[in-house]
Amino acid sequence: QLQLVESGGGVVQPGGSLRLSCVVSGFTLDEYVIGWFRQAPGKEREGVSCISSVDGNTVYTPSVKGRFTISRDNAKNTVYLQMNSLKPEDTANYFCAAVDGLYRICMILPSEYDHWGQGTQVTVSS
């Protein structure tokens, strides 16, 4: 059974850092594109970042570029999202998602992904 489980969320002050983890099971991570998404109350789900299955190419939404870093460790079946210089507007429920295929590029469009985790809450507040 294909499963994605996020962890690492929490409450942090502005300017702080968090590292989110997405542990996958039931499939071979290196054959899947992984994306991170977030959804704040009353807002649509937003693409944050993704990493391709071939060559590990990455994409970031402009609001997080230079602050967030996505990475993958196929041996540990885990994808990470390192979040630095956090801002109150980063507050949201963060989800990881997967779509199978060997691709050198990825897209941060929710409709492109087939499998989703349950999310982990990130709150940035003083």
Foldseek 3Di string as FASTA:
>chain_A
DWAWAKDWADEAAQQAKIKMKIAIDDDQLLQKKKWKWWDAPPDDIWTAKIFASPPGDMDGDVVQPPFWDWDDDRVRRMIMIIGGRDDQVVWTWMKMFIDGHHDRDDDRDVVRGDGIHPTDTHGYHD
